[in-house]
Amino acid sequence: MKIHKNIDLKKLNIISFATFQSVLFALIGLVLGIIYSIGGFLVDCLVSLNLLEAENMNTPGLSYGTILALGAIIGMPIIAAIIGFALGILEALLYNIFVKCFHLSPQDLFK
């Protein structure tokens, strides 16, 4: 197997990079949504069982808020994917402009 050390990346495909970044952000959003949902559900359960005081936690216990917290499993990845796509477009555009203006390759940047 031969590895090419002289890969010259002069231009990024903007949509491909934005899609890749969108998938990465969606996965991060999914992990954070799961953590948020589990945490919110546990706090609401503990308040409902009177193991935590409702006044300190700002929650009445299991309620509509619990369902909304579980909605973070769907909502956070969607929001993160949209943000990731927009940032991917911006980053690819900036990279393409930078490489075009300064006639640099990635190897030149890290010498």
PDB file of N, CA and C in Angstrom:
ATOM      1  N   MET A   1       0.848  -1.174   0.000  1.00  0.00           N
ATOM      2  CA  MET A   1       0.000   0.000   0.000  1.00  0.00           C
ATOM      3  C   MET A   1       0.893   1.236   0.000  1.00  0.00           C
ATOM      4  N   LYS A   2       0.668   2.100  -0.946  1.00  0.00           N
ATOM      5  CA  LYS A   2       1.470   3.294  -1.084  1.00  0.00           C
ATOM      6  C   LYS A   2       0.675   4.496  -0.581  1.00  0.00           C
ATOM      7  N   ILE A   3       1.290   5.260   0.282  1.00  0.00           N
ATOM      8  CA  ILE A   3       0.653   6.457   0.806  1.00  0.00           C
ATOM      9  C   ILE A   3       1.300   7.663   0.136  1.00  0.00           C
ATOM     10  N   HIS A   4       0.471   8.506  -0.457  1.00  0.00           N
ATOM     11  CA  HIS A   4       0.985   9.696  -1.139  1.00  0.00           C
ATOM     12  C   HIS A   4       1.166  10.813  -0.126  1.00  0.00           C
ATOM     13  N   LYS A   5       2.369  11.331  -0.022  1.00  0.00           N
ATOM     14  CA  LYS A   5       2.632  12.423   0.912  1.00  0.00           C
ATOM     15  C   LYS A   5       2.431  13.777   0.254  1.00  0.00           C
ATOM     16  N   ASN A   6       2.343  13.809  -1.059  1.00  0.00           N
ATOM     17  CA  ASN A   6       2.223  15.074  -1.763  1.00  0.00           C
ATOM     18  C   ASN A   6       0.796  15.317  -2.242  1.00  0.00           C
ATOM     19  N   ILE A   7      -0.149  15.124  -1.380  1.00  0.00           N
ATOM     20  CA  ILE A   7      -1.540  15.413  -1.726  1.00  0.00           C
ATOM     21  C   ILE A   7      -1.702  16.927  -1.725  1.00  0.00           C
ATOM     22  N   ASP A   8      -2.186  17.457  -2.831  1.00  0.00           N
ATOM     23  CA  ASP A   8      -2.315  18.903  -2.955  1.00  0.00           C
ATOM     24  C   ASP A   8      -3.794  19.256  -3.000  1.00  0.00           C
ATOM     25  N   LEU A   9      -4.328  19.706  -1.889  1.00  0.00           N
ATOM     26  CA  LEU A   9      -5.740  20.038  -1.779  1.00  0.00           C
ATOM     27  C   LEU A   9      -5.902  21.524  -2.060  1.00  0.00           C
ATOM     28  N   LYS A  10      -6.216  21.833  -3.302  1.00  0.00           N
ATOM     29  CA  LYS A  10      -6.337  23.231  -3.717  1.00  0.00           C
ATOM     30  C   LYS A  10      -7.731  23.797  -3.484  1.00  0.00           C
ATOM     31  N   LYS A  11      -8.731  22.925  -3.446  1.00  0.00           N
ATOM     32  CA  LYS A  11     -10.102  23.408  -3.317  1.00  0.00           C
ATOM     33  C   LYS A  11     -10.962  22.347  -2.648  1.00  0.00           C
ATOM     34  N   LEU A  12     -11.816  22.789  -1.734  1.00  0.00           N
ATOM     35  CA  LEU A  12     -12.767  21.893  -1.092  1.00  0.00           C
ATOM     36  C   LEU A  12     -14.096  21.950  -1.818  1.00  0.00           C
ATOM     37  N   ASN A  13     -14.750  20.810  -1.950  1.00  0.00           N
ATOM     38  CA  ASN A  13     -16.116  20.780  -2.445  1.00  0.00           C
ATOM     39  C   ASN A  13     -17.008  21.264  -1.306  1.00  0.00           C
ATOM     40  N   ILE A  14     -17.641  22.390  -1.498  1.00  0.00           N
ATOM     41  CA  ILE A  14     -18.348  23.077  -0.411  1.00  0.00           C
ATOM     42  C   ILE A  14     -19.498  22.246   0.133  1.00  0.00           C
ATOM     43  N   ILE A  15     -20.332  21.702  -0.729  1.00  0.00           N
ATOM     44  CA  ILE A  15     -21.499  20.945  -0.262  1.00  0.00           C
ATOM     45  C   ILE A  15     -21.071  19.643   0.413  1.00  0.00           C
ATOM     46  N   SER A  16     -20.067  18.977  -0.129  1.00  0.00           N
ATOM     47  CA  SER A  16     -19.601  17.733   0.489  1.00  0.00           C
ATOM     48  C   SER A  16     -19.034  17.988   1.880  1.00  0.00           C
ATOM     49  N   PHE A  17     -18.244  19.039   2.007  1.00  0.00           N
ATOM     50  CA  PHE A  17     -17.673  19.360   3.319  1.00  0.00           C
ATOM     51  C   PHE A  17     -18.765  19.770   4.299  1.00  0.00           C
ATOM     52  N   ALA A  18     -19.727  20.564   3.828  1.00  0.00           N
ATOM     53  CA  ALA A  18     -20.823  20.999   4.702  1.00  0.00           C
ATOM     54  C   ALA A  18     -21.669  19.808   5.148  1.00  0.00           C
ATOM     55  N   THR A  19     -21.890  18.848   4.255  1.00  0.00           N
ATOM     56  CA  THR A  19     -22.656  17.650   4.615  1.00  0.00           C
ATOM     57  C   THR A  19     -21.906  16.826   5.648  1.00  0.00           C
ATOM     58  N   PHE A  20     -20.606  16.656   5.444  1.00  0.00           N
ATOM     59  CA  PHE A  20     -19.785  15.918   6.403  1.00  0.00           C
ATOM     60  C   PHE A  20     -19.826  16.595   7.775  1.00  0.00           C
ATOM     61  N   GLN A  21     -19.664  17.899   7.794  1.00  0.00           N
ATOM     62  CA  GLN A  21     -19.695  18.645   9.057  1.00  0.00           C
ATOM     63  C   GLN A  21     -21.078  18.564   9.695  1.00  0.00           C
ATOM     64  N   SER A  22     -22.121  18.563   8.886  1.00  0.00           N
ATOM     65  CA  SER A  22     -23.486  18.453   9.395  1.00  0.00           C
ATOM     66  C   SER A  22     -23.703  17.117  10.102  1.00  0.00           C
ATOM     67  N   VAL A  23     -23.185  16.043   9.525  1.00  0.00           N
ATOM     68  CA  VAL A  23     -23.318  14.719  10.147  1.00  0.00           C
ATOM     69  C   VAL A  23     -22.558  14.674  11.467  1.00  0.00           C
ATOM     70  N   LEU A  24     -21.358  15.239  11.488  1.00  0.00           N
ATOM     71  CA  LEU A  24     -20.591  15.257  12.744  1.00  0.00           C
ATOM     72  C   LEU A  24     -21.323  16.044  13.827  1.00  0.00           C
ATOM     73  N   PHE A  25     -21.836  17.207  13.475  1.00  0.00           N
ATOM     74  CA  PHE A  25     -22.555  18.020  14.454  1.00  0.00           C
ATOM     75  C   PHE A  25     -23.835  17.317  14.916  1.00  0.00           C
ATOM     76  N   ALA A  26     -24.512  16.610  14.005  1.00  0.00           N
ATOM     77  CA  ALA A  26     -25.730  15.886  14.388  1.00  0.00           C
ATOM     78  C   ALA A  26     -25.409  14.787  15.398  1.00  0.00           C
ATOM     79  N   LEU A  27     -24.296  14.091  15.203  1.00  0.00           N
ATOM     80  CA  LEU A  27     -23.898  13.059  16.169  1.00  0.00           C
ATOM     81  C   LEU A  27     -23.579  13.666  17.531  1.00  0.00           C
ATOM     82  N   ILE A  28     -22.897  14.797  17.525  1.00  0.00           N
ATOM     83  CA  ILE A  28     -22.615  15.490  18.789  1.00  0.00           C
ATOM     84  C   ILE A  28     -23.925  15.940  19.434  1.00  0.00           C
ATOM     85  N   GLY A  29     -24.853  16.467  18.626  1.00  0.00           N
ATOM     86  CA  GLY A  29     -26.162  16.878  19.140  1.00  0.00           C
ATOM     87  C   GLY A  29     -26.952  15.719  19.708  1.00  0.00           C
ATOM     88  N   LEU A  30     -26.832  14.548  19.085  1.00  0.00           N
ATOM     89  CA  LEU A  30     -27.522  13.358  19.596  1.00  0.00           C
ATOM     90  C   LEU A  30     -26.982  12.961  20.962  1.00  0.00           C
ATOM     91  N   VAL A  31     -25.673  12.943  21.097  1.00  0.00           N
ATOM     92  CA  VAL A  31     -25.069  12.590  22.391  1.00  0.00           C
ATOM     93  C   VAL A  31     -25.488  13.596  23.461  1.00  0.00           C
ATOM     94  N   LEU A  32     -25.408  14.881  23.139  1.00  0.00           N
ATOM     95  CA  LEU A  32     -25.805  15.903  24.116  1.00  0.00           C
ATOM     96  C   LEU A  32     -27.305  15.850  24.416  1.00  0.00           C
ATOM     97  N   GLY A  33     -28.120  15.554  23.408  1.00  0.00           N
ATOM     98  CA  GLY A  33     -29.561  15.425  23.633  1.00  0.00           C
ATOM     99  C   GLY A  33     -29.890  14.263  24.547  1.00  0.00           C
ATOM    100  N   ILE A  34     -29.184  13.154  24.388  1.00  0.00           N
ATOM    101  CA  ILE A  34     -29.396  12.001  25.271  1.00  0.00           C
ATOM    102  C   ILE A  34     -29.007  12.342  26.694  1.00  0.00           C
ATOM    103  N   ILE A  35     -27.859  12.995  26.857  1.00  0.00           N
ATOM    104  CA  ILE A  35     -27.416  13.387  28.211  1.00  0.00           C
ATOM    105  C   ILE A  35     -28.426  14.337  28.848  1.00  0.00           C
ATOM    106  N   TYR A  36     -28.885  15.338  28.088  1.00  0.00           N
ATOM    107  CA  TYR A  36     -29.849  16.306  28.601  1.00  0.00           C
ATOM    108  C   TYR A  36     -31.166  15.627  28.974  1.00  0.00           C
ATOM    109  N   SER A  37     -31.641  14.730  28.125  1.00  0.00           N
ATOM    110  CA  SER A  37     -32.911  14.052  28.381  1.00  0.00           C
ATOM    111  C   SER A  37     -32.844  13.152  29.600  1.00  0.00           C
ATOM    112  N   ILE A  38     -31.774  12.389  29.705  1.00  0.00           N
ATOM    113  CA  ILE A  38     -31.634  11.492  30.860  1.00  0.00           C
ATOM    114  C   ILE A  38     -31.513  12.300  32.143  1.00  0.00           C
ATOM    115  N   GLY A  39     -30.726  13.369  32.104  1.00  0.00           N
ATOM    116  CA  GLY A  39     -30.573  14.216  33.292  1.00  0.00           C
ATOM    117  C   GLY A  39     -31.883  14.843  33.715  1.00  0.00           C
ATOM    118  N   GLY A  40     -32.623  15.401  32.743  1.00  0.00           N
ATOM    119  CA  GLY A  40     -33.911  16.015  33.056  1.00  0.00           C
ATOM    120  C   GLY A  40     -34.920  15.008  33.574  1.00  0.00           C
ATOM    121  N   PHE A  41     -34.926  13.820  32.967  1.00  0.00           N
ATOM    122  CA  PHE A  41     -35.853  12.782  33.403  1.00  0.00           C
ATOM    123  C   PHE A  41     -35.533  12.324  34.827  1.00  0.00           C
ATOM    124  N   LEU A  42     -34.248  12.147  35.136  1.00  0.00           N
ATOM    125  CA  LEU A  42     -33.863  11.721  36.484  1.00  0.00           C
ATOM    126  C   LEU A  42     -34.229  12.762  37.530  1.00  0.00           C
ATOM    127  N   VAL A  43     -33.979  14.027  37.238  1.00  0.00           N
ATOM    128  CA  VAL A  43     -34.326  15.086  38.195  1.00  0.00           C
ATOM    129  C   VAL A  43     -35.836  15.122  38.412  1.00  0.00           C
ATOM    130  N   ASP A  44     -36.608  15.037  37.328  1.00  0.00           N
ATOM    131  CA  ASP A  44     -38.068  15.048  37.472  1.00  0.00           C
ATOM    132  C   ASP A  44     -38.577  13.843  38.255  1.00  0.00           C
ATOM    133  N   CYS A  45     -37.976  12.681  38.042  1.00  0.00           N
ATOM    134  CA  CYS A  45     -38.367  11.488  38.808  1.00  0.00           C
ATOM    135  C   CYS A  45     -38.032  11.649  40.287  1.00  0.00           C
ATOM    136  N   LEU A  46     -36.857  12.168  40.566  1.00  0.00           N
ATOM    137  CA  LEU A  46     -36.456  12.346  41.964  1.00  0.00           C
ATOM    138  C   LEU A  46     -37.334  13.370  42.674  1.00  0.00           C
ATOM    139  N   VAL A  47     -37.741  14.421  41.964  1.00  0.00           N
ATOM    140  CA  VAL A  47     -38.655  15.403  42.557  1.00  0.00           C
ATOM    141  C   VAL A  47     -40.022  14.770  42.777  1.00  0.00           C
ATOM    142  N   SER A  48     -40.497  13.968  41.845  1.00  0.00           N
ATOM    143  CA  SER A  48     -41.801  13.309  41.995  1.00  0.00           C
ATOM    144  C   SER A  48     -41.803  12.312  43.149  1.00  0.00           C
ATOM    145  N   LEU A  49     -40.668  11.690  43.428  1.00  0.00           N
ATOM    146  CA  LEU A  49     -40.552  10.745  44.544  1.00  0.00           C
ATOM    147  C   LEU A  49     -40.224  11.440  45.865  1.00  0.00           C
ATOM    148  N   ASN A  50     -40.198  12.781  45.851  1.00  0.00           N
ATOM    149  CA  ASN A  50     -39.880  13.598  47.031  1.00  0.00           C
ATOM    150  C   ASN A  50     -38.481  13.326  47.580  1.00  0.00           C
ATOM    151  N   LEU A  51     -37.573  12.912  46.733  1.00  0.00           N
ATOM    152  CA  LEU A  51     -36.182  12.748  47.151  1.00  0.00           C
ATOM    153  C   LEU A  51     -35.400  14.047  46.962  1.00  0.00           C
ATOM    154  N   LEU A  52     -35.920  14.942  46.122  1.00  0.00           N
ATOM    155  CA  LEU A  52     -35.377  16.284  45.945  1.00  0.00           C
ATOM    156  C   LEU A  52     -36.511  17.270  46.148  1.00  0.00           C
ATOM    157  N   GLU A  53     -36.170  18.466  46.600  1.00  0.00           N
ATOM    158  CA  GLU A  53     -37.192  19.484  46.818  1.00  0.00           C
ATOM    159  C   GLU A  53     -37.469  20.215  45.510  1.00  0.00           C
ATOM    160  N   ALA A  54     -38.751  20.373  45.201  1.00  0.00           N
ATOM    161  CA  ALA A  54     -39.158  21.000  43.944  1.00  0.00           C
ATOM    162  C   ALA A  54     -38.720  22.460  43.872  1.00  0.00           C
ATOM    163  N   GLU A  55     -38.686  23.143  45.010  1.00  0.00           N
ATOM    164  CA  GLU A  55     -38.311  24.560  45.009  1.00  0.00           C
ATOM    165  C   GLU A  55     -36.850  24.747  44.597  1.00  0.00           C
ATOM    166  N   ASN A  56     -35.994  23.835  45.014  1.00  0.00           N
ATOM    167  CA  ASN A  56     -34.570  23.954  44.687  1.00  0.00           C
ATOM    168  C   ASN A  56     -34.285  23.606  43.234  1.00  0.00           C
ATOM    169  N   MET A  57     -35.085  22.752  42.657  1.00  0.00           N
ATOM    170  CA  MET A  57     -34.835  22.273  41.302  1.00  0.00           C
ATOM    171  C   MET A  57     -35.643  23.022  40.237  1.00  0.00           C
ATOM    172  N   ASN A  58     -36.539  23.883  40.625  1.00  0.00           N
ATOM    173  CA  ASN A  58     -37.384  24.633  39.692  1.00  0.00           C
ATOM    174  C   ASN A  58     -38.170  23.721  38.755  1.00  0.00           C
ATOM    175  N   THR A  59     -38.688  22.637  39.268  1.00  0.00           N
ATOM    176  CA  THR A  59     -39.508  21.728  38.474  1.00  0.00           C
ATOM    177  C   THR A  59     -40.600  21.139  39.357  1.00  0.00           C
ATOM    178  N   PRO A  60     -41.792  20.959  38.818  1.00  0.00           N
ATOM    179  CA  PRO A  60     -42.862  20.367  39.602  1.00  0.00           C
ATOM    180  C   PRO A  60     -42.793  18.841  39.652  1.00  0.00           C
ATOM    181  N   GLY A  61     -41.828  18.261  38.992  1.00  0.00           N
ATOM    182  CA  GLY A  61     -41.744  16.805  38.906  1.00  0.00           C
ATOM    183  C   GLY A  61     -42.101  16.368  37.505  1.00  0.00           C
ATOM    184  N   LEU A  62     -42.586  15.127  37.384  1.00  0.00           N
ATOM    185  CA  LEU A  62     -42.967  14.623  36.060  1.00  0.00           C
ATOM    186  C   LEU A  62     -44.149  15.427  35.529  1.00  0.00           C
ATOM    187  N   SER A  63     -43.968  16.025  34.371  1.00  0.00           N
ATOM    188  CA  SER A  63     -44.999  16.876  33.777  1.00  0.00           C
ATOM    189  C   SER A  63     -44.731  17.007  32.284  1.00  0.00           C
ATOM    190  N   TYR A  64     -45.328  18.032  31.682  1.00  0.00           N
ATOM    191  CA  TYR A  64     -45.099  18.271  30.263  1.00  0.00           C
ATOM    192  C   TYR A  64     -43.631  18.621  29.992  1.00  0.00           C
ATOM    193  N   GLY A  65     -42.974  19.208  30.956  1.00  0.00           N
ATOM    194  CA  GLY A  65     -41.559  19.537  30.809  1.00  0.00           C
ATOM    195  C   GLY A  65     -40.695  18.307  30.600  1.00  0.00           C
ATOM    196  N   THR A  66     -41.105  17.202  31.191  1.00  0.00           N
ATOM    197  CA  THR A  66     -40.366  15.946  31.013  1.00  0.00           C
ATOM    198  C   THR A  66     -40.452  15.489  29.559  1.00  0.00           C
ATOM    199  N   ILE A  67     -41.626  15.610  28.973  1.00  0.00           N
ATOM    200  CA  ILE A  67     -41.793  15.227  27.571  1.00  0.00           C
ATOM    201  C   ILE A  67     -40.971  16.146  26.674  1.00  0.00           C
ATOM    202  N   LEU A  68     -40.936  17.438  27.012  1.00  0.00           N
ATOM    203  CA  LEU A  68     -40.121  18.376  26.234  1.00  0.00           C
ATOM    204  C   LEU A  68     -38.638  18.054  26.368  1.00  0.00           C
ATOM    205  N   ALA A  69     -38.215  17.648  27.562  1.00  0.00           N
ATOM    206  CA  ALA A  69     -36.812  17.277  27.750  1.00  0.00           C
ATOM    207  C   ALA A  69     -36.472  16.047  26.919  1.00  0.00           C
ATOM    208  N   LEU A  70     -37.391  15.100  26.836  1.00  0.00           N
ATOM    209  CA  LEU A  70     -37.154  13.924  25.996  1.00  0.00           C
ATOM    210  C   LEU A  70     -37.145  14.298  24.517  1.00  0.00           C
ATOM    211  N   GLY A  71     -37.803  15.385  24.171  1.00  0.00           N
ATOM    212  CA  GLY A  71     -37.781  15.879  22.799  1.00  0.00           C
ATOM    213  C   GLY A  71     -36.415  16.385  22.373  1.00  0.00           C
ATOM    214  N   ALA A  72     -35.543  16.613  23.337  1.00  0.00           N
ATOM    215  CA  ALA A  72     -34.184  17.055  23.013  1.00  0.00           C
ATOM    216  C   ALA A  72     -33.419  15.990  22.244  1.00  0.00           C
ATOM    217  N   ILE A  73     -33.826  14.730  22.383  1.00  0.00           N
ATOM    218  CA  ILE A  73     -33.170  13.651  21.627  1.00  0.00           C
ATOM    219  C   ILE A  73     -33.388  13.859  20.125  1.00  0.00           C
ATOM    220  N   ILE A  74     -34.507  14.455  19.749  1.00  0.00           N
ATOM    221  CA  ILE A  74     -34.784  14.731  18.339  1.00  0.00           C
ATOM    222  C   ILE A  74     -34.358  16.155  17.968  1.00  0.00           C
ATOM    223  N   GLY A  75     -34.649  17.104  18.841  1.00  0.00           N
ATOM    224  CA  GLY A  75     -34.415  18.509  18.525  1.00  0.00           C
ATOM    225  C   GLY A  75     -32.957  18.920  18.480  1.00  0.00           C
ATOM    226  N   MET A  76     -32.173  18.468  19.436  1.00  0.00           N
ATOM    227  CA  MET A  76     -30.775  18.899  19.480  1.00  0.00           C
ATOM    228  C   MET A  76     -29.963  18.425  18.277  1.00  0.00           C
ATOM    229  N   PRO A  77     -30.122  17.177  17.809  1.00  0.00           N
ATOM    230  CA  PRO A  77     -29.384  16.797  16.597  1.00  0.00           C
ATOM    231  C   PRO A  77     -29.801  17.596  15.359  1.00  0.00           C
ATOM    232  N   ILE A  78     -31.085  17.927  15.258  1.00  0.00           N
ATOM    233  CA  ILE A  78     -31.545  18.700  14.099  1.00  0.00           C
ATOM    234  C   ILE A  78     -30.940  20.098  14.125  1.00  0.00           C
ATOM    235  N   ILE A  79     -31.000  20.741  15.276  1.00  0.00           N
ATOM    236  CA  ILE A  79     -30.435  22.087  15.397  1.00  0.00           C
ATOM    237  C   ILE A  79     -28.927  22.055  15.171  1.00  0.00           C
ATOM    238  N   ALA A  80     -28.256  21.074  15.755  1.00  0.00           N
ATOM    239  CA  ALA A  80     -26.807  20.963  15.587  1.00  0.00           C
ATOM    240  C   ALA A  80     -26.440  20.684  14.135  1.00  0.00           C
ATOM    241  N   ALA A  81     -27.224  19.877  13.436  1.00  0.00           N
ATOM    242  CA  ALA A  81     -26.944  19.578  12.024  1.00  0.00           C
ATOM    243  C   ALA A  81     -27.087  20.824  11.157  1.00  0.00           C
ATOM    244  N   ILE A  82     -28.104  21.625  11.427  1.00  0.00           N
ATOM    245  CA  ILE A  82     -28.289  22.873  10.670  1.00  0.00           C
ATOM    246  C   ILE A  82     -27.120  23.818  10.902  1.00  0.00           C
ATOM    247  N   ILE A  83     -26.705  23.947  12.159  1.00  0.00           N
ATOM    248  CA  ILE A  83     -25.560  24.799  12.483  1.00  0.00           C
ATOM    249  C   ILE A  83     -24.289  24.248  11.843  1.00  0.00           C
ATOM    250  N   GLY A  84     -24.104  22.933  11.899  1.00  0.00           N
ATOM    251  CA  GLY A  84     -22.931  22.307  11.299  1.00  0.00           C
ATOM    252  C   GLY A  84     -22.877  22.508   9.797  1.00  0.00           C
ATOM    253  N   PHE A  85     -24.034  22.430   9.125  1.00  0.00           N
ATOM    254  CA  PHE A  85     -24.072  22.642   7.680  1.00  0.00           C
ATOM    255  C   PHE A  85     -23.687  24.074   7.335  1.00  0.00           C
ATOM    256  N   ALA A  86     -24.259  25.032   8.082  1.00  0.00           N
ATOM    257  CA  ALA A  86     -23.948  26.442   7.820  1.00  0.00           C
ATOM    258  C   ALA A  86     -22.464  26.728   8.080  1.00  0.00           C
ATOM    259  N   LEU A  87     -21.927  26.205   9.177  1.00  0.00           N
ATOM    260  CA  LEU A  87     -20.512  26.408   9.464  1.00  0.00           C
ATOM    261  C   LEU A  87     -19.623  25.700   8.449  1.00  0.00           C
ATOM    262  N   GLY A  88     -20.049  24.541   7.970  1.00  0.00           N
ATOM    263  CA  GLY A  88     -19.283  23.826   6.951  1.00  0.00           C
ATOM    264  C   GLY A  88     -19.184  24.619   5.663  1.00  0.00           C
ATOM    265  N   ILE A  89     -20.288  25.246   5.260  1.00  0.00           N
ATOM    266  CA  ILE A  89     -20.259  26.098   4.065  1.00  0.00           C
ATOM    267  C   ILE A  89     -19.300  27.262   4.280  1.00  0.00           C
ATOM    268  N   LEU A  90     -19.407  27.905   5.430  1.00  0.00           N
ATOM    269  CA  LEU A  90     -18.542  29.046   5.735  1.00  0.00           C
ATOM    270  C   LEU A  90     -17.066  28.642   5.766  1.00  0.00           C
ATOM    271  N   GLU A  91     -16.771  27.535   6.424  1.00  0.00           N
ATOM    272  CA  GLU A  91     -15.376  27.087   6.528  1.00  0.00           C
ATOM    273  C   GLU A  91     -14.807  26.709   5.169  1.00  0.00           C
ATOM    274  N   ALA A  92     -15.584  26.002   4.352  1.00  0.00           N
ATOM    275  CA  ALA A  92     -15.095  25.609   3.024  1.00  0.00           C
ATOM    276  C   ALA A  92     -14.885  26.836   2.139  1.00  0.00           C
ATOM    277  N   LEU A  93     -15.804  27.796   2.208  1.00  0.00           N
ATOM    278  CA  LEU A  93     -15.629  29.026   1.439  1.00  0.00           C
ATOM    279  C   LEU A  93     -14.377  29.780   1.872  1.00  0.00           C
ATOM    280  N   LEU A  94     -14.194  29.914   3.179  1.00  0.00           N
ATOM    281  CA  LEU A  94     -13.006  30.616   3.678  1.00  0.00           C
ATOM    282  C   LEU A  94     -11.727  29.885   3.281  1.00  0.00           C
ATOM    283  N   TYR A  95     -11.749  28.565   3.352  1.00  0.00           N
ATOM    284  CA  TYR A  95     -10.571  27.791   2.953  1.00  0.00           C
ATOM    285  C   TYR A  95     -10.267  28.003   1.476  1.00  0.00           C
ATOM    286  N   ASN A  96     -11.299  27.917   0.622  1.00  0.00           N
ATOM    287  CA  ASN A  96     -11.092  28.086  -0.813  1.00  0.00           C
ATOM    288  C   ASN A  96     -10.580  29.485  -1.146  1.00  0.00           C
ATOM    289  N   ILE A  97     -11.118  30.500  -0.480  1.00  0.00           N
ATOM    290  CA  ILE A  97     -10.651  31.870  -0.705  1.00  0.00           C
ATOM    291  C   ILE A  97      -9.212  32.030  -0.244  1.00  0.00           C
ATOM    292  N   PHE A  98      -8.894  31.495   0.927  1.00  0.00           N
ATOM    293  CA  PHE A  98      -7.549  31.597   1.478  1.00  0.00           C
ATOM    294  C   PHE A  98      -6.523  30.933   0.565  1.00  0.00           C
ATOM    295  N   VAL A  99      -6.816  29.738   0.097  1.00  0.00           N
ATOM    296  CA  VAL A  99      -5.886  29.012  -0.773  1.00  0.00           C
ATOM    297  C   VAL A  99      -5.729  29.735  -2.114  1.00  0.00           C
ATOM    298  N   LYS A 100      -6.847  30.279  -2.626  1.00  0.00           N
ATOM    299  CA  LYS A 100      -6.787  30.972  -3.912  1.00  0.00           C
ATOM    300  C   LYS A 100      -6.001  32.284  -3.807  1.00  0.00           C
ATOM    301  N   CYS A 101      -6.226  33.031  -2.741  1.00  0.00           N
ATOM    302  CA  CYS A 101      -5.563  34.330  -2.594  1.00  0.00           C
ATOM    303  C   CYS A 101      -4.070  34.201  -2.302  1.00  0.00           C
ATOM    304  N   PHE A 102      -3.695  33.249  -1.474  1.00  0.00           N
ATOM    305  CA  PHE A 102      -2.301  33.142  -1.037  1.00  0.00           C
ATOM    306  C   PHE A 102      -1.527  32.041  -1.759  1.00  0.00           C
ATOM    307  N   HIS A 103      -2.176  31.312  -2.656  1.00  0.00           N
ATOM    308  CA  HIS A 103      -1.541  30.258  -3.434  1.00  0.00           C
ATOM    309  C   HIS A 103      -0.777  29.266  -2.531  1.00  0.00           C
ATOM    310  N   LEU A 104      -1.449  28.857  -1.478  1.00  0.00           N
ATOM    311  CA  LEU A 104      -0.834  27.946  -0.513  1.00  0.00           C
ATOM    312  C   LEU A 104      -1.517  26.587  -0.585  1.00  0.00           C
ATOM    313  N   SER A 105      -0.774  25.570  -0.228  1.00  0.00           N
ATOM    314  CA  SER A 105      -1.327  24.240  -0.047  1.00  0.00           C
ATOM    315  C   SER A 105      -1.264  23.915   1.444  1.00  0.00           C
ATOM    316  N   PRO A 106      -1.970  22.890   1.895  1.00  0.00           N
ATOM    317  CA  PRO A 106      -1.907  22.543   3.314  1.00  0.00           C
ATOM    318  C   PRO A 106      -0.490  22.215   3.781  1.00  0.00           C
ATOM    319  N   GLN A 107       0.343  21.662   2.896  1.00  0.00           N
ATOM    320  CA  GLN A 107       1.722  21.344   3.281  1.00  0.00           C
ATOM    321  C   GLN A 107       2.493  22.634   3.568  1.00  0.00           C
ATOM    322  N   ASP A 108       2.201  23.710   2.846  1.00  0.00           N
ATOM    323  CA  ASP A 108       2.878  24.975   3.080  1.00  0.00           C
ATOM    324  C   ASP A 108       2.485  25.584   4.418  1.00  0.00           C
ATOM    325  N   LEU A 109       1.276  25.329   4.862  1.00  0.00           N
ATOM    326  CA  LEU A 109       0.804  25.903   6.119  1.00  0.00           C
ATOM    327  C   LEU A 109       1.479  25.279   7.331  1.00  0.00           C
ATOM    328  N   PHE A 110       1.868  24.030   7.250  1.00  0.00           N
ATOM    329  CA  PHE A 110       2.388  23.317   8.417  1.00  0.00           C
ATOM    330  C   PHE A 110       3.878  23.032   8.341  1.00  0.00           C
ATOM    331  N   LYS A 111       4.605  23.782   7.549  1.00  0.00           N
ATOM    332  CA  LYS A 111       6.061  23.601   7.469  1.00  0.00           C
ATOM    333  C   LYS A 111       6.747  24.315   8.597  1.00  0.00           C
TER     334      LYS A 111
END
